[in-house]
Amino acid sequence: SSGINAEYGYPSPSDVSKDGRFGSKFTTVCVSGNTANTIEMFAYQVSNQCMALVRDNILQPAREHPGMAYVKQSSAEQYVPDVFFREKDEYGNVVTKEARPLPVDYLLLQLPAGTPKDGHKEPLMPGGAGEFPVFHRRSVDLEIFKRYYRAQPDEKFLESLSDINVLLFLCTNDTLSFRDHISDICNAIRTGDRGVIQAFKESPVWLTLEQILAVDADLTAAPVGETWNCSVCTLINQATKTVCEVCGTPKTG
């Protein structure tokens, strides 16, 4: 239950959610010994459905069976809708069953977990120059990056990229993709190779980004509440987005 409460307490920002939050990236990792006398890791997240059931006080553990949960019965104080799950019976047929009880495996998302084979490595320069928002804890757009980048001195270009949150933004921003360059950038940061970083700064993709950042107009100065519909998937995007958040189609009109 601690993992459920942690995930529910740390929701992820989402521009397409009505309240600005949806799901969670919080992960629980269990570390223990196994029969081979080695350390084994098991990582998981609880599903959004599970968090909703716990939030509404519908789900409770089955005391006699740790691997099972139980959907509460309706009472005079609380109405509980019927919850169902599907599984295969002994004949291979898919059958629908009421979630009283419910296998906990239906509520968990298993994730890969492990450690580097070649031992401990120093983290990727934990600080970096200046202040940049923690990725996934708030919505970061090109205007925020522009203010951050303009505050960095030219001779500190390597240090300005040495923040993991900056690298994540470069990988995932809607305007330009830097995925093909991230591996070289990270290696240069680890080794302090300013020559590689300078070559990247002079590359066409970075020069294109600098031209975009050179625009004096506020990149986020769109009226509050203004939106546009994607011409392909019809998603309603915020006016500050230049491409659709779901399918990547450029903004038109």
Protein backbone atom coordinates (compact mmCIF):
# COMPACT_ATOMS: atom_id res chain seq x y z
CA SER A 1 0.00 0.00 0.00
CA SER A 2 2.96 2.35 0.55
CA GLY A 3 3.74 2.20 -3.17
CA ILE A 4 0.13 3.03 -4.03
CA ASN A 5 0.08 5.99 -1.65
CA ALA A 6 3.43 7.25 -2.98
CA GLU A 7 2.28 7.11 -6.59
CA TYR A 8 -1.01 8.81 -5.77
CA GLY A 9 0.87 11.49 -3.82
CA TYR A 10 3.25 12.30 -6.70
CA PRO A 11 1.19 12.60 -9.89
CA SER A 12 2.84 13.45 -13.21
CA PRO A 13 2.16 16.75 -15.02
CA SER A 14 0.01 16.40 -18.13
CA ASP A 15 -1.03 19.16 -20.51
CA VAL A 16 -3.95 17.07 -21.82
CA SER A 17 -5.50 16.32 -18.42
CA LYS A 18 -8.29 18.54 -17.12
CA ASP A 19 -6.58 19.08 -13.76
CA GLY A 20 -3.03 19.14 -15.17
CA ARG A 21 -2.03 15.82 -13.57
CA PHE A 22 -2.36 12.19 -14.67
CA GLY A 23 -0.79 8.94 -13.48
CA SER A 24 2.57 8.81 -11.77
CA LYS A 25 6.17 7.91 -12.58
CA PHE A 26 6.88 6.83 -9.00
CA THR A 27 8.36 3.32 -8.99
CA THR A 28 8.80 0.79 -6.17
CA VAL A 29 11.93 -1.40 -6.23
CA CYS A 30 12.28 -4.42 -3.93
CA VAL A 31 15.81 -5.80 -3.37
CA SER A 32 16.34 -9.22 -1.80
CA GLY A 33 18.44 -12.36 -1.98
CA ASN A 34 17.42 -15.37 -4.06
CA THR A 35 18.10 -19.12 -4.05
CA ALA A 36 21.25 -18.58 -6.15
CA ASN A 37 22.76 -16.49 -3.32
CA THR A 38 22.69 -13.33 -5.44
CA ILE A 39 20.86 -10.03 -5.15
CA GLU A 40 17.64 -9.79 -7.13
CA MET A 41 15.62 -6.67 -7.92
CA PHE A 42 11.90 -6.50 -8.59
CA ALA A 43 10.46 -3.17 -9.77
CA TYR A 44 6.82 -2.32 -10.29
CA GLN A 45 4.24 0.40 -10.52
CA VAL A 46 0.60 0.14 -9.61
CA SER A 47 -1.84 0.88 -12.43
CA ASN A 48 -3.94 4.02 -12.69
CA GLN A 49 -7.01 1.83 -12.13
CA CYS A 50 -5.53 0.56 -8.88
CA MET A 51 -4.81 4.10 -7.66
CA ALA A 52 -8.40 5.09 -8.45
CA LEU A 53 -9.79 2.11 -6.52
CA VAL A 54 -7.66 2.94 -3.48
CA ARG A 55 -8.45 6.66 -3.73
CA ASP A 56 -12.19 5.92 -3.63
CA ASN A 57 -11.79 3.46 -0.74
CA ILE A 58 -13.08 0.54 -2.83
CA LEU A 59 -10.12 -1.85 -2.71
CA GLN A 60 -8.82 -3.65 0.35
CA PRO A 61 -6.29 -6.48 0.92
CA ALA A 62 -7.42 -10.07 1.40
CA ARG A 63 -6.09 -11.00 4.83
CA GLU A 64 -5.75 -14.74 4.24
CA HIS A 65 -4.16 -14.43 0.78
CA PRO A 66 -1.35 -11.85 0.36
CA GLY A 67 -1.50 -12.21 -3.42
CA MET A 68 -5.16 -11.24 -3.58
CA ALA A 69 -7.17 -8.05 -3.12
CA TYR A 70 -10.88 -7.64 -2.52
CA VAL A 71 -13.40 -5.11 -3.79
CA LYS A 72 -15.64 -4.01 -0.93
CA GLN A 73 -19.36 -4.65 -0.87
CA SER A 74 -21.76 -1.73 -1.05
CA SER A 75 -23.06 -0.44 2.26
CA ALA A 76 -25.50 2.15 3.51
CA GLU A 77 -22.62 4.65 3.69
CA GLN A 78 -20.95 3.87 0.37
CA TYR A 79 -22.07 2.60 -3.00
CA VAL A 80 -19.45 0.35 -4.64
CA PRO A 81 -19.89 -0.48 -8.34
CA ASP A 82 -19.17 -3.98 -9.58
CA VAL A 83 -15.57 -4.53 -10.69
CA PHE A 84 -14.63 -7.35 -13.04
CA PHE A 85 -11.49 -8.94 -14.46
CA ARG A 86 -10.83 -11.55 -17.13
CA GLU A 87 -8.78 -14.73 -17.05
CA LYS A 88 -8.57 -18.09 -18.82
CA ASP A 89 -10.27 -21.09 -17.27
CA GLU A 90 -8.98 -24.67 -17.29
CA TYR A 91 -10.29 -25.12 -20.83
CA GLY A 92 -8.52 -22.06 -22.27
CA ASN A 93 -11.67 -19.96 -22.48
CA VAL A 94 -11.54 -16.28 -21.51
CA VAL A 95 -14.05 -15.76 -18.70
CA THR A 96 -15.16 -12.67 -16.81
CA LYS A 97 -15.10 -12.83 -13.01
CA GLU A 98 -16.16 -10.51 -10.24
CA ALA A 99 -13.22 -8.96 -8.36
CA ARG A 100 -14.08 -10.61 -5.04
CA PRO A 101 -11.27 -11.60 -4.76
CA LEU A 102 -8.97 -10.01 -7.35
CA PRO A 103 -5.38 -11.24 -8.07
CA VAL A 104 -2.95 -8.44 -7.22
CA ASP A 105 -1.02 -9.17 -10.44
CA TYR A 106 -3.84 -7.47 -12.34
CA LEU A 107 -3.01 -4.22 -10.54
CA LEU A 108 0.77 -4.17 -11.05
CA LEU A 109 2.96 -3.13 -13.96
CA GLN A 110 6.29 -4.97 -13.82
CA LEU A 111 9.35 -2.96 -14.83
CA PRO A 112 12.95 -3.98 -15.59
CA ALA A 113 15.48 -3.22 -12.86
CA GLY A 114 19.17 -3.92 -12.37
CA THR A 115 22.65 -2.50 -11.83
CA PRO A 116 25.58 -1.80 -14.21
CA LYS A 117 27.70 -4.85 -15.01
CA ASP A 118 30.96 -2.90 -14.71
CA GLY A 119 30.32 -1.52 -11.27
CA HIS A 120 29.53 1.92 -9.91
CA LYS A 121 29.86 4.96 -12.14
CA GLU A 122 29.83 8.59 -11.15
CA PRO A 123 26.47 10.24 -11.92
CA LEU A 124 26.21 12.64 -14.80
CA MET A 125 27.30 15.92 -13.16
CA PRO A 126 24.45 16.29 -10.65
CA GLY A 127 24.22 20.07 -10.64
CA GLY A 128 24.95 21.86 -13.86
CA ALA A 129 25.09 25.61 -14.28
CA GLY A 130 22.19 27.78 -13.22
CA GLU A 131 18.72 26.56 -12.36
CA PHE A 132 16.61 24.41 -14.66
CA PRO A 133 13.24 22.91 -13.65
CA VAL A 134 13.18 19.25 -12.63
CA PHE A 135 11.90 17.33 -15.63
CA HIS A 136 8.39 15.80 -15.27
CA ARG A 137 7.64 17.82 -12.13
CA ARG A 138 6.41 20.77 -14.14
CA SER A 139 5.72 21.57 -17.76
CA VAL A 140 8.92 22.83 -19.43
CA ASP A 141 8.69 24.66 -22.76
CA LEU A 142 11.06 26.43 -25.12
CA GLU A 143 10.61 29.79 -23.40
CA ILE A 144 11.92 28.36 -20.12
CA PHE A 145 14.91 26.83 -21.91
CA LYS A 146 15.58 30.16 -23.69
CA ARG A 147 15.78 32.03 -20.38
CA TYR A 148 18.06 29.34 -18.95
CA TYR A 149 20.36 29.26 -22.00
CA ARG A 150 20.68 33.04 -22.26
CA ALA A 151 21.80 33.20 -18.62
CA GLN A 152 24.81 30.92 -19.30
CA PRO A 153 28.19 32.41 -20.37
CA ASP A 154 29.54 31.16 -23.71
CA GLU A 155 32.62 29.61 -22.15
CA LYS A 156 30.39 27.49 -19.87
CA PHE A 157 28.47 25.74 -22.67
CA LEU A 158 29.59 22.30 -21.47
CA GLU A 159 28.49 23.09 -17.91
CA SER A 160 25.12 24.41 -19.13
CA LEU A 161 24.41 21.03 -20.73
CA SER A 162 25.60 19.11 -17.66
CA ASP A 163 22.19 19.05 -16.00
CA ILE A 164 20.25 15.81 -16.55
CA ASN A 165 17.02 17.83 -16.74
CA VAL A 166 18.42 19.89 -19.63
CA LEU A 167 19.41 16.71 -21.49
CA LEU A 168 15.93 15.24 -20.97
CA PHE A 169 14.39 18.40 -22.38
CA LEU A 170 16.63 18.26 -25.46
CA CYS A 171 15.55 14.64 -26.04
CA THR A 172 11.83 15.26 -25.73
CA ASN A 173 11.08 18.84 -26.80
CA ASP A 174 8.54 19.40 -29.57
CA THR A 175 10.66 21.72 -31.70
CA LEU A 176 13.91 19.88 -32.53
CA SER A 177 15.14 16.37 -31.81
CA PHE A 178 18.61 15.90 -30.32
CA ARG A 179 18.32 12.16 -29.71
CA ASP A 180 21.05 11.36 -32.26
CA HIS A 181 23.50 13.61 -30.40
CA ILE A 182 22.75 12.77 -26.76
CA SER A 183 25.16 9.83 -26.52
CA ASP A 184 28.10 11.94 -27.73
CA ILE A 185 27.09 14.82 -25.45
CA CYS A 186 26.92 12.58 -22.37
CA ASN A 187 30.32 11.02 -23.12
CA ALA A 188 31.84 14.49 -23.59
CA ILE A 189 30.35 15.68 -20.29
CA ARG A 190 31.77 12.65 -18.45
CA THR A 191 35.26 13.16 -19.91
CA GLY A 192 35.19 16.95 -19.95
CA ASP A 193 35.86 17.01 -23.71
CA ARG A 194 35.11 20.61 -24.68
CA GLY A 195 36.15 19.97 -28.28
CA VAL A 196 33.25 17.59 -28.86
CA ILE A 197 30.85 19.98 -27.12
CA GLN A 198 32.08 22.90 -29.24
CA ALA A 199 31.60 20.85 -32.42
CA PHE A 200 28.04 20.12 -31.31
CA LYS A 201 27.45 23.83 -30.65
CA GLU A 202 28.49 24.54 -34.25
CA SER A 203 26.32 21.75 -35.71
CA PRO A 204 23.33 22.65 -37.94
CA VAL A 205 20.75 21.34 -35.48
CA TRP A 206 22.05 23.51 -32.60
CA LEU A 207 22.45 26.57 -34.83
CA THR A 208 18.82 26.10 -35.87
CA LEU A 209 17.80 26.05 -32.21
CA GLU A 210 19.80 29.23 -31.55
CA GLN A 211 17.96 30.95 -34.41
CA ILE A 212 14.65 30.00 -32.81
CA LEU A 213 15.83 31.21 -29.40
CA ALA A 214 16.98 34.50 -30.96
CA VAL A 215 13.37 35.49 -31.59
CA ASP A 216 12.61 38.31 -29.16
CA ALA A 217 8.92 37.52 -28.83
CA ASP A 218 7.87 35.50 -25.81
CA LEU A 219 7.53 31.94 -27.08
CA THR A 220 4.70 31.27 -24.66
CA ALA A 221 2.81 34.57 -25.00
CA ALA A 222 -0.46 33.02 -26.13
CA PRO A 223 -3.77 34.01 -24.54
CA VAL A 224 -4.69 31.85 -21.56
CA GLY A 225 -7.07 29.08 -22.60
CA GLU A 226 -6.35 29.41 -26.34
CA THR A 227 -6.04 26.05 -28.09
CA TRP A 228 -5.81 24.47 -31.54
CA ASN A 229 -7.06 21.16 -32.92
CA CYS A 230 -4.68 18.74 -34.62
CA SER A 231 -5.67 18.21 -38.26
CA VAL A 232 -4.75 14.51 -38.06
CA CYS A 233 -5.76 13.08 -34.66
CA THR A 234 -8.03 16.03 -33.62
CA LEU A 235 -6.31 16.38 -30.20
CA ILE A 236 -6.88 19.75 -28.55
CA ASN A 237 -3.41 21.25 -27.96
CA GLN A 238 -2.36 24.32 -26.02
CA ALA A 239 -1.67 27.33 -28.24
CA THR A 240 2.00 27.38 -27.20
CA LYS A 241 2.59 23.93 -28.73
CA THR A 242 4.03 23.97 -32.25
CA VAL A 243 3.34 20.29 -32.91
CA CYS A 244 0.64 17.90 -31.68
CA GLU A 245 1.58 16.27 -28.36
CA VAL A 246 0.20 12.89 -29.47
CA CYS A 247 1.00 12.41 -33.17
CA GLY A 248 3.61 15.12 -33.78
CA THR A 249 1.74 16.84 -36.61
CA PRO A 250 2.86 20.49 -37.01
CA LYS A 251 0.45 23.24 -36.05
CA THR A 252 -1.45 24.71 -39.00
CA GLY A 253 -3.34 27.95 -39.43
